C-alpha atoms as a PDB file:
ATOM      1  CA  UNK A   1     158.972 141.650  -2.869  1.00  0.00           C
ATOM      2  CA  UNK A   2     161.640 143.422  -0.811  1.00  0.00           C
ATOM      3  CA  UNK A   3     159.383 145.495   1.151  1.00  0.00           C
ATOM      4  CA  UNK A   4     157.182 146.856  -1.224  1.00  0.00           C
ATOM      5  CA  UNK A   5     153.536 146.673   0.502  1.00  0.00           C
ATOM      6  CA  UNK A   6     150.880 145.356  -1.883  1.00  0.00           C
ATOM      7  CA  UNK A   7     148.613 147.603  -3.639  1.00  0.00           C
ATOM      8  CA  UNK A   8     145.008 148.365  -2.374  1.00  0.00           C
ATOM      9  CA  UNK A   9     143.782 146.340  -5.459  1.00  0.00           C
ATOM     10  CA  UNK A  10     146.078 143.277  -4.805  1.00  0.00           C
ATOM     11  CA  UNK A  11     144.738 143.600  -1.221  1.00  0.00           C
ATOM     12  CA  UNK A  12     141.010 143.632  -1.967  1.00  0.00           C
ATOM     13  CA  UNK A  13     141.508 140.908  -4.449  1.00  0.00           C
ATOM     14  CA  UNK A  14     143.213 138.817  -1.751  1.00  0.00           C
ATOM     15  CA  UNK A  15     140.448 139.256   0.776  1.00  0.00           C
ATOM     16  CA  UNK A  16     137.685 138.438  -1.900  1.00  0.00           C
ATOM     17  CA  UNK A  17     139.476 135.212  -3.055  1.00  0.00           C
ATOM     18  CA  UNK A  18     139.942 134.154   0.732  1.00  0.00           C
ATOM     19  CA  UNK A  19     136.228 135.282   1.219  1.00  0.00           C
ATOM     20  CA  UNK A  20     135.219 133.331  -1.704  1.00  0.00           C
ATOM     21  CA  UNK A  21     137.583 130.187  -0.740  1.00  0.00           C
ATOM     22  CA  UNK A  22     135.883 130.200   2.829  1.00  0.00           C
ATOM     23  CA  UNK A  23     132.492 130.375   1.449  1.00  0.00           C
ATOM     24  CA  UNK A  24     132.994 127.777  -0.887  1.00  0.00           C
ATOM     25  CA  UNK A  25     134.534 125.793   1.925  1.00  0.00           C
ATOM     26  CA  UNK A  26     131.576 126.358   4.037  1.00  0.00           C
ATOM     27  CA  UNK A  27     129.006 125.291   1.347  1.00  0.00           C
ATOM     28  CA  UNK A  28     130.707 122.250   0.636  1.00  0.00           C
ATOM     29  CA  UNK A  29     130.869 121.307   4.424  1.00  0.00           C
ATOM     30  CA  UNK A  30     127.039 121.904   4.694  1.00  0.00           C
ATOM     31  CA  UNK A  31     126.513 119.853   1.400  1.00  0.00           C
ATOM     32  CA  UNK A  32     128.552 117.146   2.920  1.00  0.00           C
ATOM     33  CA  UNK A  33     126.543 117.282   6.135  1.00  0.00           C
ATOM     34  CA  UNK A  34     123.139 117.226   4.259  1.00  0.00           C
ATOM     35  CA  UNK A  35     124.285 114.379   2.131  1.00  0.00           C
ATOM     36  CA  UNK A  36     125.435 112.278   5.430  1.00  0.00           C
ATOM     37  CA  UNK A  37     121.960 113.246   7.064  1.00  0.00           C
ATOM     38  CA  UNK A  38     120.130 111.965   4.078  1.00  0.00           C
ATOM     39  CA  UNK A  39     122.311 108.881   4.058  1.00  0.00           C
ATOM     40  CA  UNK A  40     121.671 108.387   7.844  1.00  0.00           C
ATOM     41  CA  UNK A  41     117.907 108.788   7.511  1.00  0.00           C
ATOM     42  CA  UNK A  42     118.036 106.159   4.323  1.00  0.00           C
ATOM     43  CA  UNK A  43     120.068 103.815   6.574  1.00  0.00           C
ATOM     44  CA  UNK A  44     117.572 104.023   9.569  1.00  0.00           C
ATOM     45  CA  UNK A  45     114.566 103.663   6.928  1.00  0.00           C
ATOM     46  CA  UNK A  46     116.388 100.615   5.697  1.00  0.00           C
ATOM     47  CA  UNK A  47     117.109  99.241   9.107  1.00  0.00           C
ATOM     48  CA  UNK A  48     113.324  99.942  10.175  1.00  0.00           C
ATOM     49  CA  UNK A  49     112.139  98.067   6.848  1.00  0.00           C
ATOM     50  CA  UNK A  50     114.262  95.106   7.406  1.00  0.00           C
ATOM     51  CA  UNK A  51     113.456  94.988  10.970  1.00  0.00           C
ATOM     52  CA  UNK A  52     109.781  94.725   9.702  1.00  0.00           C
ATOM     53  CA  UNK A  53     110.507  92.276   7.295  1.00  0.00           C
ATOM     54  CA  UNK A  54     111.975  90.017   9.769  1.00  0.00           C
ATOM     55  CA  UNK A  55     109.095  90.179  12.024  1.00  0.00           C
ATOM     56  CA  UNK A  56     106.756  89.661   9.425  1.00  0.00           C
ATOM     57  CA  UNK A  57     108.458  86.435   8.400  1.00  0.00           C
ATOM     58  CA  UNK A  58     108.635  85.512  12.309  1.00  0.00           C
ATOM     59  CA  UNK A  59     104.912  86.170  12.597  1.00  0.00           C
ATOM     60  CA  UNK A  60     104.143  84.323   9.378  1.00  0.00           C
ATOM     61  CA  UNK A  61     106.609  81.400  10.629  1.00  0.00           C
ATOM     62  CA  UNK A  62     104.588  81.458  13.954  1.00  0.00           C
ATOM     63  CA  UNK A  63     101.370  81.335  12.135  1.00  0.00           C
ATOM     64  CA  UNK A  64     102.622  78.252  10.281  1.00  0.00           C
ATOM     65  CA  UNK A  65     103.527  76.610  13.031  1.00  0.00           C
ATOM     66  CA  UNK A  66     100.436  77.282  14.937  1.00  0.00           C
ATOM     67  CA  UNK A  67      98.464  76.010  11.647  1.00  0.00           C
ATOM     68  CA  UNK A  68     100.925  72.810  11.771  1.00  0.00           C
ATOM     69  CA  UNK A  69     100.356  72.059  15.162  1.00  0.00           C
ATOM     70  CA  UNK A  70      96.713  72.547  15.194  1.00  0.00           C
ATOM     71  CA  UNK A  71      96.887  70.077  12.146  1.00  0.00           C
ATOM     72  CA  UNK A  72      98.743  67.681  14.166  1.00  0.00           C
ATOM     73  CA  UNK A  73      96.469  67.797  16.936  1.00  0.00           C
ATOM     74  CA  UNK A  74      93.740  66.914  14.999  1.00  0.00           C
ATOM     75  CA  UNK A  75      95.418  64.311  13.149  1.00  0.00           C
ATOM     76  CA  UNK A  76      96.432  62.857  16.487  1.00  0.00           C
ATOM     77  CA  UNK A  77      92.770  63.275  17.792  1.00  0.00           C
ATOM     78  CA  UNK A  78      91.362  61.511  14.777  1.00  0.00           C
ATOM     79  CA  UNK A  79      93.659  58.716  15.270  1.00  0.00           C
ATOM     80  CA  UNK A  80      92.761  58.402  19.130  1.00  0.00           C
ATOM     81  CA  UNK A  81      88.670  58.327  17.984  1.00  0.00           C
ATOM     82  CA  UNK A  82      87.283  55.121  18.146  1.00  0.00           C
ATOM     83  CA  UNK A  83      84.684  53.983  15.360  1.00  0.00           C
ATOM     84  CA  UNK A  84      81.331  55.173  16.166  1.00  0.00           C
ATOM     85  CA  UNK A  85      79.228  52.069  16.894  1.00  0.00           C
ATOM     86  CA  UNK A  86      75.981  51.345  14.944  1.00  0.00           C
ATOM     87  CA  UNK A  87      72.718  52.976  16.233  1.00  0.00           C
ATOM     88  CA  UNK A  88      70.514  50.473  17.946  1.00  0.00           C
ATOM     89  CA  UNK A  89      73.573  48.453  19.120  1.00  0.00           C
ATOM     90  CA  UNK A  90      73.432  47.469  22.621  1.00  0.00           C
ATOM     91  CA  UNK A  91      75.684  49.374  25.214  1.00  0.00           C
ATOM     92  CA  UNK A  92      75.535  52.791  22.834  1.00  0.00           C
ATOM     93  CA  UNK A  93      75.228  56.085  24.169  1.00  0.00           C
ATOM     94  CA  UNK A  94      74.152  58.969  22.023  1.00  0.00           C
ATOM     95  CA  UNK A  95      76.089  61.837  23.213  1.00  0.00           C
ATOM     96  CA  UNK A  96      75.031  65.555  22.659  1.00  0.00           C
ATOM     97  CA  UNK A  97      77.414  68.350  23.003  1.00  0.00           C
ATOM     98  CA  UNK A  98      76.663  71.814  23.451  1.00  0.00           C
ATOM     99  CA  UNK A  99      79.709  74.047  22.212  1.00  0.00           C
ATOM    100  CA  UNK A 100      80.191  77.643  23.474  1.00  0.00           C
ATOM    101  CA  UNK A 101      78.907  79.486  20.329  1.00  0.00           C
ATOM    102  CA  UNK A 102      75.385  77.441  20.821  1.00  0.00           C
ATOM    103  CA  UNK A 103      75.692  75.060  18.260  1.00  0.00           C
ATOM    104  CA  UNK A 104      75.331  71.389  18.980  1.00  0.00           C
ATOM    105  CA  UNK A 105      76.716  68.249  17.637  1.00  0.00           C
ATOM    106  CA  UNK A 106      75.982  64.605  18.235  1.00  0.00           C
ATOM    107  CA  UNK A 107      77.767  61.348  18.147  1.00  0.00           C
ATOM    108  CA  UNK A 108      77.576  57.798  19.454  1.00  0.00           C
ATOM    109  CA  UNK A 109      79.639  56.040  21.710  1.00  0.00           C
ATOM    110  CA  UNK A 110      80.089  52.537  23.118  1.00  0.00           C
ATOM    111  CA  UNK A 111      79.943  52.653  26.887  1.00  0.00           C
ATOM    112  CA  UNK A 112      83.128  51.052  27.202  1.00  0.00           C
ATOM    113  CA  UNK A 113      84.968  54.083  25.432  1.00  0.00           C
ATOM    114  CA  UNK A 114      87.157  56.143  27.550  1.00  0.00           C
ATOM    115  CA  UNK A 115      85.614  59.707  28.169  1.00  0.00           C
ATOM    116  CA  UNK A 116      88.841  60.881  25.999  1.00  0.00           C
ATOM    117  CA  UNK A 117      86.944  59.767  23.001  1.00  0.00           C
ATOM    118  CA  UNK A 118      84.580  62.533  23.269  1.00  0.00           C
ATOM    119  CA  UNK A 119      87.330  65.124  23.612  1.00  0.00           C
ATOM    120  CA  UNK A 120      89.145  63.441  20.627  1.00  0.00           C
ATOM    121  CA  UNK A 121      85.554  63.560  18.721  1.00  0.00           C
ATOM    122  CA  UNK A 122      85.824  67.442  19.518  1.00  0.00           C
ATOM    123  CA  UNK A 123      89.237  68.130  18.490  1.00  0.00           C
ATOM    124  CA  UNK A 124      89.299  65.829  15.464  1.00  0.00           C
ATOM    125  CA  UNK A 125      86.325  67.542  14.023  1.00  0.00           C
ATOM    126  CA  UNK A 126      87.663  71.047  14.396  1.00  0.00           C
ATOM    127  CA  UNK A 127      85.262  72.031  16.923  1.00  0.00           C
ATOM    128  CA  UNK A 128      87.611  73.106  19.546  1.00  0.00           C
ATOM    129  CA  UNK A 129      90.995  73.295  20.510  1.00  0.00           C
ATOM    130  CA  UNK A 130      92.990  70.350  22.516  1.00  0.00           C
ATOM    131  CA  UNK A 131      93.484  71.683  25.979  1.00  0.00           C
ATOM    132  CA  UNK A 132      91.037  74.788  25.980  1.00  0.00           C
ATOM    133  CA  UNK A 133      88.008  73.037  27.438  1.00  0.00           C
ATOM    134  CA  UNK A 134      86.201  70.684  29.558  1.00  0.00           C
ATOM    135  CA  UNK A 135      83.108  69.183  29.496  1.00  0.00           C
ATOM    136  CA  UNK A 136      80.269  68.985  32.262  1.00  0.00           C
ATOM    137  CA  UNK A 137      76.974  67.314  32.697  1.00  0.00           C
ATOM    138  CA  UNK A 138      74.421  68.950  34.345  1.00  0.00           C
ATOM    139  CA  UNK A 139      72.394  66.295  36.506  1.00  0.00           C
ATOM    140  CA  UNK A 140      74.294  65.843  38.586  1.00  0.00           C
ATOM    141  CA  UNK A 141      76.719  68.154  38.135  1.00  0.00           C
ATOM    142  CA  UNK A 142      80.142  66.248  36.688  1.00  0.00           C
ATOM    143  CA  UNK A 143      82.999  67.622  35.070  1.00  0.00           C
ATOM    144  CA  UNK A 144      85.453  65.742  32.908  1.00  0.00           C
ATOM    145  CA  UNK A 145      88.831  67.227  32.168  1.00  0.00           C
ATOM    146  CA  UNK A 146      90.937  66.099  28.885  1.00  0.00           C
ATOM    147  CA  UNK A 147      93.259  63.001  30.460  1.00  0.00           C
ATOM    148  CA  UNK A 148      94.516  60.950  27.313  1.00  0.00           C
ATOM    149  CA  UNK A 149      96.195  58.472  30.030  1.00  0.00           C
ATOM    150  CA  UNK A 150      93.881  56.608  32.662  1.00  0.00           C
ATOM    151  CA  UNK A 151      90.930  58.084  31.379  1.00  0.00           C
ATOM    152  CA  UNK A 152      87.699  56.584  32.721  1.00  0.00           C
ATOM    153  CA  UNK A 153      85.175  54.787  30.379  1.00  0.00           C
ATOM    154  CA  UNK A 154      81.815  56.521  30.064  1.00  0.00           C
ATOM    155  CA  UNK A 155      80.133  53.732  32.161  1.00  0.00           C
ATOM    156  CA  UNK A 156      82.876  54.266  35.118  1.00  0.00           C
ATOM    157  CA  UNK A 157      82.230  58.140  34.509  1.00  0.00           C
ATOM    158  CA  UNK A 158      78.571  57.855  35.150  1.00  0.00           C
ATOM    159  CA  UNK A 159      77.586  58.436  31.475  1.00  0.00           C
ATOM    160  CA  UNK A 160      75.236  55.351  31.045  1.00  0.00           C
ATOM    161  CA  UNK A 161      71.828  56.750  29.909  1.00  0.00           C
ATOM    162  CA  UNK A 162      71.207  55.837  26.096  1.00  0.00           C
ATOM    163  CA  UNK A 163      71.125  59.732  25.719  1.00  0.00           C
ATOM    164  CA  UNK A 164      73.622  62.232  27.594  1.00  0.00           C
ATOM    165  CA  UNK A 165      73.918  65.868  27.187  1.00  0.00           C
ATOM    166  CA  UNK A 166      77.372  67.692  27.848  1.00  0.00           C
ATOM    167  CA  UNK A 167      78.258  71.253  27.748  1.00  0.00           C
ATOM    168  CA  UNK A 168      81.560  72.406  26.493  1.00  0.00           C
ATOM    169  CA  UNK A 169      83.119  74.710  29.563  1.00  0.00           C
ATOM    170  CA  UNK A 170      86.147  76.922  28.248  1.00  0.00           C
ATOM    171  CA  UNK A 171      89.181  76.903  30.417  1.00  0.00           C
ATOM    172  CA  UNK A 172      91.263  79.269  28.651  1.00  0.00           C
ATOM    173  CA  UNK A 173      90.429  82.266  26.449  1.00  0.00           C
END
């Protein structure tokens, strides 16, 4: 070692070994980069799947809450609905209601029942959702809003004929 120059063969072997080591390290670096990219892609896909699962669970919970709210509104309307008077009884009004889909429903009410009873009838029967409609009489033109507290009676609202027809007008889409 004291000043002897390495042989060409030794130099060539060192160069080949150095090139091989460099190629191995480069290949290892590329493999690690590929593995990191695959892991990042997998994590991103898992994150998207987790977010989709959370969104689906939230939508499902919102739908369940909407159904429960609708069911509570129907139950409350059914509780607020007075008993239907007998046909032919004095002071009874037969009310026909034309729904937005063109179908009709009928029910008897006493003149002393509040107008709110008609709204309760429509909601409790599942025909419409509370707060989405008003009722209108054609001759003379009158409009009735859903107002639980302080609602006038059918008689004070001018619905005094033995048969009355009301149309449903939607207030929200």
